Amino acid sequence: MALHRRILGAGLLAALAAPAIAQNQAWPNRPIRLISPFAPGGPQDVPARYFVDYLTPRLGQPVVYDSRAGAGGALGMQHVATATDGHSFLITSNAVATLPAMRRELGFDPLSDLLPVTLVSESPLVLAVRANGPADLPAFLARARENPGRVSWGSSGIGSATHLAGALLMQRAGVELLHVPYRGTTIALNAMLAGDIDCFMGDISIAIEHVRAGTARIIAVTTERRSALLPEAPTVAETVPGYAVPFWFGLFAARTTAPEAVRRMLAELEPLGAPGSDLRRRMADRGAEVLLNGPAPLTARLSAEIGQWRQVVAAAGITPE
């Protein structure tokens, strides 16, 4: 009887110890999930799918790309923010910095519930017009000042990065434009090409083919420096000093993720940031620069932009949902 109790006791202790043993195993010890908060087919697919193929053999575990779109990106972000498995990562655009300004009940706090891993890439948004549109940004802004509220521009939706970038432009340039939101940047671009709106603001990778075809012209890019893909296109800041709105992607984990997991992920990704890497070439073809510069720059950018966009939303009179 005593022997039987000792056997049962040993089995119970082993069962209780199992989770702790699993947690102490070398990371990763299960499949890694790379969550996108947007529908498949967007610009996040290029680095995300590259990461899947690149990391799977190096980490020794499958890396699964999982799109969880909804609520402007909040659904997928919250999914990672509340994950406790230590193997869930989020690849998201700067929507993670704009959403706190646009939603009263976001369901998570990006600054406290997400762990910044690294900036992934940065590219310009562009202001594009039809081939017969204004010759440059000064001409576009002059037309807007002559016709307050009548010169229109399209974004990828209310509260999107493109919407808020346009709102900031109006505030800094002192003009009143007519904002027309669409359900996606491609729809907005097509509306501009069809003559429904005067100007399109969106990702350079979406507009570039129409520029090359001669049906659209980029009158400005939103980054601090001109784009290597279109060096002839001036920056907004050349006309509106101090304006800079890069379109970026970042990699995050849940705040509870073990530090060794973040270190391992960064170590594996580091070669992709080197000059001449295949990922750098692929992203450059889309007008994007690969960064992969660690947690500190992403932490600083997230904090600064959350504050900036709250100010922009308040000044524009945009009502959060």
C-alpha atoms as a PDB file:
ATOM      1  CA  MET A   1       0.000   0.000   0.000  1.00  0.00           C
ATOM      2  CA  ALA A   2       2.816   2.407   0.926  1.00  0.00           C
ATOM      3  CA  LEU A   3       4.583   1.519  -2.324  1.00  0.00           C
ATOM      4  CA  HIS A   4       1.408   2.212  -4.244  1.00  0.00           C
ATOM      5  CA  ARG A   5       1.098   5.675  -2.614  1.00  0.00           C
ATOM      6  CA  ARG A   6       4.738   6.445  -3.434  1.00  0.00           C
ATOM      7  CA  ILE A   7       4.175   5.536  -7.099  1.00  0.00           C
ATOM      8  CA  LEU A   8       1.063   7.715  -7.294  1.00  0.00           C
ATOM      9  CA  GLY A   9       2.896  10.579  -5.603  1.00  0.00           C
ATOM     10  CA  ALA A  10       5.803  10.339  -7.999  1.00  0.00           C
ATOM     11  CA  GLY A  11       3.423  10.350 -10.961  1.00  0.00           C
ATOM     12  CA  LEU A  12       1.616  13.426  -9.645  1.00  0.00           C
ATOM     13  CA  LEU A  13       4.874  15.299  -9.117  1.00  0.00           C
ATOM     14  CA  ALA A  14       5.997  14.433 -12.647  1.00  0.00           C
ATOM     15  CA  ALA A  15       2.716  15.684 -14.081  1.00  0.00           C
ATOM     16  CA  LEU A  16       2.970  18.962 -12.183  1.00  0.00           C
ATOM     17  CA  ALA A  17       6.570  19.427 -13.269  1.00  0.00           C
ATOM     18  CA  ALA A  18       5.851  18.800 -16.965  1.00  0.00           C
ATOM     19  CA  PRO A  19       4.773  22.374 -17.851  1.00  0.00           C
ATOM     20  CA  ALA A  20       7.831  23.838 -16.130  1.00  0.00           C
ATOM     21  CA  ILE A  21      10.099  21.413 -17.976  1.00  0.00           C
ATOM     22  CA  ALA A  22       8.438  22.336 -21.280  1.00  0.00           C
ATOM     23  CA  GLN A  23       8.938  26.045 -20.577  1.00  0.00           C
ATOM     24  CA  ASN A  24      12.611  25.464 -19.870  1.00  0.00           C
ATOM     25  CA  GLN A  25      13.236  23.632 -23.127  1.00  0.00           C
ATOM     26  CA  ALA A  26      15.327  25.465 -25.693  1.00  0.00           C
ATOM     27  CA  TRP A  27      13.263  27.881 -27.772  1.00  0.00           C
ATOM     28  CA  PRO A  28      11.503  27.144 -30.045  1.00  0.00           C
ATOM     29  CA  ASN A  29       9.868  23.915 -28.923  1.00  0.00           C
ATOM     30  CA  ARG A  30       6.711  24.179 -31.022  1.00  0.00           C
ATOM     31  CA  PRO A  31       5.599  25.817 -34.310  1.00  0.00           C
ATOM     32  CA  ILE A  32       5.970  29.585 -34.517  1.00  0.00           C
ATOM     33  CA  ARG A  33       2.996  31.627 -35.659  1.00  0.00           C
ATOM     34  CA  LEU A  34       3.605  34.784 -37.667  1.00  0.00           C
ATOM     35  CA  ILE A  35       0.347  36.733 -37.460  1.00  0.00           C
ATOM     36  CA  SER A  36      -0.654  39.420 -39.939  1.00  0.00           C
ATOM     37  CA  PRO A  37      -3.598  41.635 -38.932  1.00  0.00           C
ATOM     38  CA  PHE A  38      -4.473  42.257 -42.582  1.00  0.00           C
ATOM     39  CA  ALA A  39      -5.997  40.240 -45.407  1.00  0.00           C
ATOM     40  CA  PRO A  40      -3.623  38.268 -47.655  1.00  0.00           C
ATOM     41  CA  GLY A  41      -2.296  40.030 -50.720  1.00  0.00           C
ATOM     42  CA  GLY A  42      -1.078  43.213 -49.061  1.00  0.00           C
ATOM     43  CA  PRO A  43       2.489  44.561 -48.937  1.00  0.00           C
ATOM     44  CA  GLN A  44       3.142  42.703 -45.677  1.00  0.00           C
ATOM     45  CA  ASP A  45       3.038  39.420 -47.585  1.00  0.00           C
ATOM     46  CA  VAL A  46       6.455  39.927 -49.180  1.00  0.00           C
ATOM     47  CA  PRO A  47       8.590  40.036 -46.004  1.00  0.00           C
ATOM     48  CA  ALA A  48       6.252  37.728 -44.078  1.00  0.00           C
ATOM     49  CA  ARG A  49       6.337  34.898 -46.605  1.00  0.00           C
ATOM     50  CA  TYR A  50      10.082  35.336 -46.983  1.00  0.00           C
ATOM     51  CA  PHE A  51      10.474  34.980 -43.209  1.00  0.00           C
ATOM     52  CA  VAL A  52       8.438  31.754 -43.282  1.00  0.00           C
ATOM     53  CA  ASP A  53      10.685  30.099 -45.850  1.00  0.00           C
ATOM     54  CA  TYR A  54      13.885  31.487 -44.364  1.00  0.00           C
ATOM     55  CA  LEU A  55      13.247  30.812 -40.681  1.00  0.00           C
ATOM     56  CA  THR A  56      11.648  27.358 -40.781  1.00  0.00           C
ATOM     57  CA  PRO A  57      14.860  25.380 -41.462  1.00  0.00           C
ATOM     58  CA  ARG A  58      16.942  27.637 -39.217  1.00  0.00           C
ATOM     59  CA  LEU A  59      14.666  27.459 -36.195  1.00  0.00           C
ATOM     60  CA  GLY A  60      13.948  23.762 -36.591  1.00  0.00           C
ATOM     61  CA  GLN A  61      10.212  24.337 -36.221  1.00  0.00           C
ATOM     62  CA  PRO A  62       7.529  25.225 -38.772  1.00  0.00           C
ATOM     63  CA  VAL A  63       6.821  28.949 -39.116  1.00  0.00           C
ATOM     64  CA  VAL A  64       3.147  29.387 -40.006  1.00  0.00           C
ATOM     65  CA  TYR A  65       1.897  32.587 -41.644  1.00  0.00           C
ATOM     66  CA  ASP A  66      -1.581  33.362 -40.347  1.00  0.00           C
ATOM     67  CA  SER A  67      -3.737  36.272 -41.551  1.00  0.00           C
ATOM     68  CA  ARG A  68      -6.245  37.454 -38.950  1.00  0.00           C
ATOM     69  CA  ALA A  69      -7.847  40.517 -40.492  1.00  0.00           C
ATOM     70  CA  GLY A  70     -10.577  42.595 -38.909  1.00  0.00           C
ATOM     71  CA  ALA A  71     -11.318  45.853 -37.094  1.00  0.00           C
ATOM     72  CA  GLY A  72      -8.710  47.741 -39.091  1.00  0.00           C
ATOM     73  CA  GLY A  73      -5.980  45.395 -37.906  1.00  0.00           C
ATOM     74  CA  ALA A  74      -6.933  45.442 -34.223  1.00  0.00           C
ATOM     75  CA  LEU A  75      -8.160  41.832 -34.244  1.00  0.00           C
ATOM     76  CA  GLY A  76      -4.840  40.292 -35.251  1.00  0.00           C
ATOM     77  CA  MET A  77      -2.843  42.664 -33.061  1.00  0.00           C
ATOM     78  CA  GLN A  78      -4.930  41.819 -30.011  1.00  0.00           C
ATOM     79  CA  HIS A  79      -4.537  38.122 -30.753  1.00  0.00           C
ATOM     80  CA  VAL A  80      -0.765  38.410 -30.406  1.00  0.00           C
ATOM     81  CA  ALA A  81      -0.927  40.896 -27.510  1.00  0.00           C
ATOM     82  CA  THR A  82      -2.872  38.351 -25.438  1.00  0.00           C
ATOM     83  CA  ALA A  83      -0.947  35.233 -26.555  1.00  0.00           C
ATOM     84  CA  THR A  84       0.792  33.267 -23.814  1.00  0.00           C
ATOM     85  CA  ASP A  85       2.443  30.496 -25.836  1.00  0.00           C
ATOM     86  CA  GLY A  86       5.751  32.318 -26.319  1.00  0.00           C
ATOM     87  CA  HIS A  87       5.733  31.439 -30.013  1.00  0.00           C
ATOM     88  CA  SER A  88       3.392  34.069 -31.522  1.00  0.00           C
ATOM     89  CA  PHE A  89       4.761  37.048 -33.450  1.00  0.00           C
ATOM     90  CA  LEU A  90       3.023  39.949 -35.172  1.00  0.00           C
ATOM     91  CA  ILE A  91       4.075  41.550 -38.438  1.00  0.00           C
ATOM     92  CA  THR A  92       2.170  44.782 -38.864  1.00  0.00           C
ATOM     93  CA  SER A  93       2.320  48.144 -40.546  1.00  0.00           C
ATOM     94  CA  ASN A  94       2.314  51.456 -38.734  1.00  0.00           C
ATOM     95  CA  ALA A  95      -1.412  50.897 -38.222  1.00  0.00           C
ATOM     96  CA  VAL A  96      -0.294  49.706 -34.786  1.00  0.00           C
ATOM     97  CA  ALA A  97       0.595  53.362 -34.098  1.00  0.00           C
ATOM     98  CA  THR A  98      -2.513  54.935 -35.667  1.00  0.00           C
ATOM     99  CA  LEU A  99      -5.181  52.675 -34.150  1.00  0.00           C
ATOM    100  CA  PRO A 100      -4.869  54.021 -30.576  1.00  0.00           C
ATOM    101  CA  ALA A 101      -5.920  57.426 -31.915  1.00  0.00           C
ATOM    102  CA  MET A 102      -8.886  56.022 -33.831  1.00  0.00           C
ATOM    103  CA  ARG A 103     -10.420  53.525 -31.396  1.00  0.00           C
ATOM    104  CA  ARG A 104     -11.635  54.243 -27.887  1.00  0.00           C
ATOM    105  CA  GLU A 105     -11.664  50.548 -26.959  1.00  0.00           C
ATOM    106  CA  LEU A 106      -8.755  48.945 -28.742  1.00  0.00           C
ATOM    107  CA  GLY A 107      -8.648  45.873 -26.494  1.00  0.00           C
ATOM    108  CA  PHE A 108      -4.911  46.145 -25.840  1.00  0.00           C
ATOM    109  CA  ASP A 109      -2.197  48.743 -25.351  1.00  0.00           C
ATOM    110  CA  PRO A 110       0.540  48.566 -28.008  1.00  0.00           C
ATOM    111  CA  LEU A 111       3.051  50.148 -25.629  1.00  0.00           C
ATOM    112  CA  SER A 112       2.484  47.768 -22.721  1.00  0.00           C
ATOM    113  CA  ASP A 113       1.080  44.588 -24.284  1.00  0.00           C
ATOM    114  CA  LEU A 114       3.360  44.171 -27.305  1.00  0.00           C
ATOM    115  CA  LEU A 115       7.096  43.550 -27.187  1.00  0.00           C
ATOM    116  CA  PRO A 116       8.953  45.336 -30.014  1.00  0.00           C
ATOM    117  CA  VAL A 117      11.362  43.004 -31.806  1.00  0.00           C
ATOM    118  CA  THR A 118      12.539  45.039 -34.800  1.00  0.00           C
ATOM    119  CA  LEU A 119      11.552  47.367 -37.567  1.00  0.00           C
ATOM    120  CA  VAL A 120      11.318  45.232 -40.699  1.00  0.00           C
ATOM    121  CA  SER A 121      11.161  47.746 -43.522  1.00  0.00           C
ATOM    122  CA  GLU A 122      10.396  51.321 -44.448  1.00  0.00           C
ATOM    123  CA  SER A 123       9.064  52.786 -47.673  1.00  0.00           C
ATOM    124  CA  PRO A 124       7.431  56.013 -48.772  1.00  0.00           C
ATOM    125  CA  LEU A 125       3.788  56.673 -49.226  1.00  0.00           C
ATOM    126  CA  VAL A 126       3.258  58.626 -52.414  1.00  0.00           C
ATOM    127  CA  LEU A 127       1.040  61.403 -53.622  1.00  0.00           C
ATOM    128  CA  ALA A 128       0.069  60.453 -57.154  1.00  0.00           C
ATOM    129  CA  VAL A 129      -2.022  62.246 -59.762  1.00  0.00           C
ATOM    130  CA  ARG A 130      -3.095  61.382 -63.292  1.00  0.00           C
ATOM    131  CA  ALA A 131      -0.602  62.014 -66.069  1.00  0.00           C
ATOM    132  CA  ASN A 132      -2.421  65.260 -66.983  1.00  0.00           C
ATOM    133  CA  GLY A 133      -2.712  66.399 -63.351  1.00  0.00           C
ATOM    134  CA  PRO A 134      -0.739  69.100 -61.515  1.00  0.00           C
ATOM    135  CA  ALA A 135       2.932  69.158 -62.452  1.00  0.00           C
ATOM    136  CA  ASP A 136       4.210  69.034 -58.889  1.00  0.00           C
ATOM    137  CA  LEU A 137       3.246  69.344 -55.241  1.00  0.00           C
ATOM    138  CA  PRO A 138       3.446  73.173 -55.133  1.00  0.00           C
ATOM    139  CA  ALA A 139       1.004  73.324 -58.064  1.00  0.00           C
ATOM    140  CA  PHE A 140      -1.302  70.815 -56.384  1.00  0.00           C
ATOM    141  CA  LEU A 141      -1.316  72.775 -53.121  1.00  0.00           C
ATOM    142  CA  ALA A 142      -1.852  76.051 -54.989  1.00  0.00           C
ATOM    143  CA  ARG A 143      -4.938  74.581 -56.666  1.00  0.00           C
ATOM    144  CA  ALA A 144      -6.174  73.421 -53.265  1.00  0.00           C
ATOM    145  CA  ARG A 145      -5.765  76.911 -51.776  1.00  0.00           C
ATOM    146  CA  GLU A 146      -7.697  78.412 -54.678  1.00  0.00           C
ATOM    147  CA  ASN A 147     -10.488  75.830 -54.275  1.00  0.00           C
ATOM    148  CA  PRO A 148     -10.845  75.049 -50.537  1.00  0.00           C
ATOM    149  CA  GLY A 149     -12.497  71.680 -49.909  1.00  0.00           C
ATOM    150  CA  ARG A 150     -12.947  70.926 -53.609  1.00  0.00           C
ATOM    151  CA  VAL A 151      -9.651  69.253 -54.563  1.00  0.00           C
ATOM    152  CA  SER A 152     -10.054  65.600 -53.595  1.00  0.00           C
ATOM    153  CA  TRP A 153      -7.686  62.886 -52.489  1.00  0.00           C
ATOM    154  CA  GLY A 154      -8.318  59.211 -51.791  1.00  0.00           C
ATOM    155  CA  SER A 155      -7.063  57.042 -48.963  1.00  0.00           C
ATOM    156  CA  SER A 156      -7.407  53.396 -47.993  1.00  0.00           C
ATOM    157  CA  GLY A 157     -10.080  54.203 -45.401  1.00  0.00           C
ATOM    158  CA  ILE A 158     -10.945  56.346 -42.414  1.00  0.00           C
ATOM    159  CA  GLY A 159      -8.272  56.088 -39.745  1.00  0.00           C
ATOM    160  CA  SER A 160      -5.790  54.346 -42.040  1.00  0.00           C
ATOM    161  CA  ALA A 161      -2.162  55.407 -42.228  1.00  0.00           C
ATOM    162  CA  THR A 162      -2.871  57.035 -45.594  1.00  0.00           C
ATOM    163  CA  HIS A 163      -5.818  58.990 -44.171  1.00  0.00           C
ATOM    164  CA  LEU A 164      -3.828  60.338 -41.236  1.00  0.00           C
ATOM    165  CA  ALA A 165      -0.808  61.092 -43.431  1.00  0.00           C
ATOM    166  CA  GLY A 166      -3.096  63.216 -45.600  1.00  0.00           C
ATOM    167  CA  ALA A 167      -4.623  64.905 -42.556  1.00  0.00           C
ATOM    168  CA  LEU A 168      -1.127  65.804 -41.356  1.00  0.00           C
ATOM    169  CA  LEU A 169      -0.287  67.202 -44.784  1.00  0.00           C
ATOM    170  CA  MET A 170      -3.347  69.460 -44.690  1.00  0.00           C
ATOM    171  CA  GLN A 171      -2.394  70.700 -41.225  1.00  0.00           C
ATOM    172  CA  ARG A 172       1.244  71.356 -42.077  1.00  0.00           C
ATOM    173  CA  ALA A 173       0.538  72.884 -45.524  1.00  0.00           C
ATOM    174  CA  GLY A 174      -2.473  74.900 -44.375  1.00  0.00           C
ATOM    175  CA  VAL A 175      -4.864  73.611 -47.046  1.00  0.00           C
ATOM    176  CA  GLU A 176      -8.347  72.102 -47.031  1.00  0.00           C
ATOM    177  CA  LEU A 177      -8.711  69.010 -49.216  1.00  0.00           C
ATOM    178  CA  LEU A 178     -11.739  66.784 -49.740  1.00  0.00           C
ATOM    179  CA  HIS A 179     -10.963  63.364 -48.237  1.00  0.00           C
ATOM    180  CA  VAL A 180     -12.580  60.395 -49.999  1.00  0.00           C
ATOM    181  CA  PRO A 181     -11.998  57.097 -48.153  1.00  0.00           C
ATOM    182  CA  TYR A 182     -11.990  53.781 -50.024  1.00  0.00           C
ATOM    183  CA  ARG A 183     -11.856  50.176 -48.881  1.00  0.00           C
ATOM    184  CA  GLY A 184      -8.255  49.643 -49.886  1.00  0.00           C
ATOM    185  CA  THR A 185      -5.454  51.467 -51.650  1.00  0.00           C
ATOM    186  CA  THR A 186      -5.920  49.681 -54.981  1.00  0.00           C
ATOM    187  CA  ILE A 187      -9.551  50.839 -55.150  1.00  0.00           C
ATOM    188  CA  ALA A 188      -8.468  54.393 -54.323  1.00  0.00           C
ATOM    189  CA  LEU A 189      -5.794  54.322 -57.022  1.00  0.00           C
ATOM    190  CA  ASN A 190      -8.268  53.058 -59.622  1.00  0.00           C
ATOM    191  CA  ALA A 191     -10.680  55.838 -58.639  1.00  0.00           C
ATOM    192  CA  MET A 192      -7.952  58.414 -59.214  1.00  0.00           C
ATOM    193  CA  LEU A 193      -7.068  56.925 -62.607  1.00  0.00           C
ATOM    194  CA  ALA A 194     -10.756  56.974 -63.549  1.00  0.00           C
ATOM    195  CA  GLY A 195     -11.035  60.654 -62.700  1.00  0.00           C
ATOM    196  CA  ASP A 196     -13.270  60.231 -59.646  1.00  0.00           C
ATOM    197  CA  ILE A 197     -10.713  61.910 -57.373  1.00  0.00           C
ATOM    198  CA  ASP A 198      -7.813  64.255 -58.022  1.00  0.00           C
ATOM    199  CA  CYS A 199      -5.048  62.607 -56.007  1.00  0.00           C
ATOM    200  CA  PHE A 200      -4.141  59.260 -54.498  1.00  0.00           C
ATOM    201  CA  MET A 201      -2.089  58.645 -51.375  1.00  0.00           C
ATOM    202  CA  GLY A 202      -0.791  55.123 -50.866  1.00  0.00           C
ATOM    203  CA  ASP A 203       2.052  52.642 -50.960  1.00  0.00           C
ATOM    204  CA  ILE A 204       4.652  53.242 -53.649  1.00  0.00           C
ATOM    205  CA  SER A 205       4.588  49.574 -54.703  1.00  0.00           C
ATOM    206  CA  ILE A 206       0.947  49.923 -55.780  1.00  0.00           C
ATOM    207  CA  ALA A 207       1.452  53.077 -57.839  1.00  0.00           C
ATOM    208  CA  ILE A 208       4.788  52.344 -59.497  1.00  0.00           C
ATOM    209  CA  GLU A 209       3.478  50.276 -62.433  1.00  0.00           C
ATOM    210  CA  HIS A 210       1.040  53.025 -63.418  1.00  0.00           C
ATOM    211  CA  VAL A 211       3.870  55.556 -63.255  1.00  0.00           C
ATOM    212  CA  ARG A 212       5.972  53.364 -65.533  1.00  0.00           C
ATOM    213  CA  ALA A 213       2.995  52.965 -67.881  1.00  0.00           C
ATOM    214  CA  GLY A 214       2.629  56.743 -68.101  1.00  0.00           C
ATOM    215  CA  THR A 215      -0.911  56.887 -66.687  1.00  0.00           C
ATOM    216  CA  ALA A 216       0.056  58.390 -63.307  1.00  0.00           C
ATOM    217  CA  ARG A 217       2.697  60.681 -61.916  1.00  0.00           C
ATOM    218  CA  ILE A 218       4.077  60.829 -58.408  1.00  0.00           C
ATOM    219  CA  ILE A 219       4.335  64.428 -57.257  1.00  0.00           C
ATOM    220  CA  ALA A 220       5.851  63.689 -53.838  1.00  0.00           C
ATOM    221  CA  VAL A 221       6.981  60.928 -51.485  1.00  0.00           C
ATOM    222  CA  THR A 222       6.435  61.078 -47.733  1.00  0.00           C
ATOM    223  CA  THR A 223       9.815  59.895 -46.431  1.00  0.00           C
ATOM    224  CA  GLU A 224      12.623  62.201 -45.262  1.00  0.00           C
ATOM    225  CA  ARG A 225      14.765  61.204 -48.250  1.00  0.00           C
ATOM    226  CA  ARG A 226      13.869  60.653 -51.878  1.00  0.00           C
ATOM    227  CA  SER A 227      13.146  57.106 -52.919  1.00  0.00           C
ATOM    228  CA  ALA A 228      15.904  55.151 -54.664  1.00  0.00           C
ATOM    229  CA  LEU A 229      13.164  53.605 -56.799  1.00  0.00           C
ATOM    230  CA  LEU A 230      11.976  57.025 -58.051  1.00  0.00           C
ATOM    231  CA  PRO A 231      14.760  59.504 -57.330  1.00  0.00           C
ATOM    232  CA  GLU A 232      13.165  62.131 -59.551  1.00  0.00           C
ATOM    233  CA  ALA A 233      10.121  62.386 -57.226  1.00  0.00           C
ATOM    234  CA  PRO A 234      10.690  65.070 -54.561  1.00  0.00           C
ATOM    235  CA  THR A 235       9.826  64.615 -50.915  1.00  0.00           C
ATOM    236  CA  VAL A 236       6.860  66.417 -49.368  1.00  0.00           C
ATOM    237  CA  ALA A 237       9.370  68.041 -47.023  1.00  0.00           C
ATOM    238  CA  GLU A 238      10.964  69.877 -49.944  1.00  0.00           C
ATOM    239  CA  THR A 239       7.727  71.871 -50.140  1.00  0.00           C
ATOM    240  CA  VAL A 240       6.367  71.444 -46.591  1.00  0.00           C
ATOM    241  CA  PRO A 241       9.382  71.512 -44.249  1.00  0.00           C
ATOM    242  CA  GLY A 242       9.407  69.011 -41.412  1.00  0.00           C
ATOM    243  CA  TYR A 243       6.851  66.657 -42.943  1.00  0.00           C
ATOM    244  CA  ALA A 244       7.818  62.970 -42.872  1.00  0.00           C
ATOM    245  CA  VAL A 245       5.508  59.940 -42.738  1.00  0.00           C
ATOM    246  CA  PRO A 246       7.321  56.710 -43.598  1.00  0.00           C
ATOM    247  CA  PHE A 247       5.233  53.610 -44.247  1.00  0.00           C
ATOM    248  CA  TRP A 248       6.831  50.905 -42.117  1.00  0.00           C
ATOM    249  CA  PHE A 249       6.425  47.337 -40.972  1.00  0.00           C
ATOM    250  CA  GLY A 250       7.501  46.057 -37.597  1.00  0.00           C
ATOM    251  CA  LEU A 251       7.829  42.698 -35.883  1.00  0.00           C
ATOM    252  CA  PHE A 252       6.365  42.331 -32.394  1.00  0.00           C
ATOM    253  CA  ALA A 253       5.845  39.568 -29.833  1.00  0.00           C
ATOM    254  CA  ALA A 254       3.562  39.309 -26.826  1.00  0.00           C
ATOM    255  CA  ARG A 255       4.981  41.107 -23.800  1.00  0.00           C
ATOM    256  CA  THR A 256       5.273  37.762 -21.952  1.00  0.00           C
ATOM    257  CA  THR A 257       7.552  36.262 -24.606  1.00  0.00           C
ATOM    258  CA  ALA A 258      10.876  35.060 -23.180  1.00  0.00           C
ATOM    259  CA  PRO A 259      13.883  37.330 -23.900  1.00  0.00           C
ATOM    260  CA  GLU A 260      15.817  34.384 -25.355  1.00  0.00           C
ATOM    261  CA  ALA A 261      13.087  33.950 -27.981  1.00  0.00           C
ATOM    262  CA  VAL A 262      13.493  37.551 -29.111  1.00  0.00           C
ATOM    263  CA  ARG A 263      17.288  37.238 -29.143  1.00  0.00           C
ATOM    264  CA  ARG A 264      17.108  34.056 -31.210  1.00  0.00           C
ATOM    265  CA  MET A 265      14.691  35.593 -33.675  1.00  0.00           C
ATOM    266  CA  LEU A 266      16.892  38.656 -34.110  1.00  0.00           C
ATOM    267  CA  ALA A 267      20.020  36.564 -34.527  1.00  0.00           C
ATOM    268  CA  GLU A 268      18.423  34.484 -37.277  1.00  0.00           C
ATOM    269  CA  LEU A 269      17.049  37.542 -39.107  1.00  0.00           C
ATOM    270  CA  GLU A 270      20.233  39.609 -38.901  1.00  0.00           C
ATOM    271  CA  PRO A 271      21.801  38.324 -42.171  1.00  0.00           C
ATOM    272  CA  LEU A 272      18.739  39.497 -44.106  1.00  0.00           C
ATOM    273  CA  GLY A 273      19.622  43.099 -43.305  1.00  0.00           C
ATOM    274  CA  ALA A 274      23.099  42.845 -44.810  1.00  0.00           C
ATOM    275  CA  PRO A 275      23.848  44.640 -48.097  1.00  0.00           C
ATOM    276  CA  GLY A 276      23.204  42.381 -51.052  1.00  0.00           C
ATOM    277  CA  SER A 277      20.775  40.049 -49.267  1.00  0.00           C
ATOM    278  CA  ASP A 278      18.017  38.546 -51.366  1.00  0.00           C
ATOM    279  CA  LEU A 279      15.331  40.116 -49.188  1.00  0.00           C
ATOM    280  CA  ARG A 280      16.896  43.567 -49.567  1.00  0.00           C
ATOM    281  CA  ARG A 281      16.816  43.138 -53.334  1.00  0.00           C
ATOM    282  CA  ARG A 282      13.190  42.026 -53.363  1.00  0.00           C
ATOM    283  CA  MET A 283      12.077  44.854 -51.116  1.00  0.00           C
ATOM    284  CA  ALA A 284      14.093  47.438 -53.071  1.00  0.00           C
ATOM    285  CA  ASP A 285      12.170  46.416 -56.185  1.00  0.00           C
ATOM    286  CA  ARG A 286       9.048  47.557 -54.288  1.00  0.00           C
ATOM    287  CA  GLY A 287      10.606  50.807 -53.091  1.00  0.00           C
ATOM    288  CA  ALA A 288      11.235  49.561 -49.547  1.00  0.00           C
ATOM    289  CA  GLU A 289      14.380  49.524 -47.435  1.00  0.00           C
ATOM    290  CA  VAL A 290      15.038  46.578 -45.123  1.00  0.00           C
ATOM    291  CA  LEU A 291      15.957  47.733 -41.596  1.00  0.00           C
ATOM    292  CA  LEU A 292      16.072  44.835 -39.076  1.00  0.00           C
ATOM    293  CA  ASN A 293      17.762  47.130 -36.556  1.00  0.00           C
ATOM    294  CA  GLY A 294      16.517  45.650 -33.268  1.00  0.00           C
ATOM    295  CA  PRO A 295      14.019  46.619 -30.564  1.00  0.00           C
ATOM    296  CA  ALA A 296      15.184  50.141 -29.617  1.00  0.00           C
ATOM    297  CA  PRO A 297      14.357  51.979 -32.903  1.00  0.00           C
ATOM    298  CA  LEU A 298      10.943  50.281 -33.094  1.00  0.00           C
ATOM    299  CA  THR A 299      10.175  51.142 -29.459  1.00  0.00           C
ATOM    300  CA  ALA A 300      11.089  54.796 -30.015  1.00  0.00           C
ATOM    301  CA  ARG A 301       9.121  55.047 -33.255  1.00  0.00           C
ATOM    302  CA  LEU A 302       6.007  53.426 -31.832  1.00  0.00           C
ATOM    303  CA  SER A 303       5.949  55.735 -28.823  1.00  0.00           C
ATOM    304  CA  ALA A 304       6.555  58.879 -30.875  1.00  0.00           C
ATOM    305  CA  GLU A 305       3.982  58.047 -33.544  1.00  0.00           C
ATOM    306  CA  ILE A 306       1.199  57.092 -31.132  1.00  0.00           C
ATOM    307  CA  GLY A 307       1.541  60.558 -29.619  1.00  0.00           C
ATOM    308  CA  GLN A 308       1.781  62.247 -33.016  1.00  0.00           C
ATOM    309  CA  TRP A 309      -1.326  60.605 -34.453  1.00  0.00           C
ATOM    310  CA  ARG A 310      -3.410  61.393 -31.388  1.00  0.00           C
ATOM    311  CA  GLN A 311      -2.557  65.050 -31.892  1.00  0.00           C
ATOM    312  CA  VAL A 312      -3.336  64.877 -35.619  1.00  0.00           C
ATOM    313  CA  VAL A 313      -6.709  63.195 -35.027  1.00  0.00           C
ATOM    314  CA  ALA A 314      -7.676  65.765 -32.381  1.00  0.00           C
ATOM    315  CA  ALA A 315      -6.619  68.705 -34.585  1.00  0.00           C
ATOM    316  CA  ALA A 316      -8.509  67.290 -37.575  1.00  0.00           C
ATOM    317  CA  GLY A 317     -11.683  66.796 -35.566  1.00  0.00           C
ATOM    318  CA  ILE A 318     -11.804  63.101 -36.428  1.00  0.00           C
ATOM    319  CA  THR A 319     -14.066  61.232 -34.024  1.00  0.00           C
ATOM    320  CA  PRO A 320     -12.585  57.953 -32.720  1.00  0.00           C
ATOM    321  CA  GLU A 321     -14.841  54.917 -33.038  1.00  0.00           C
END
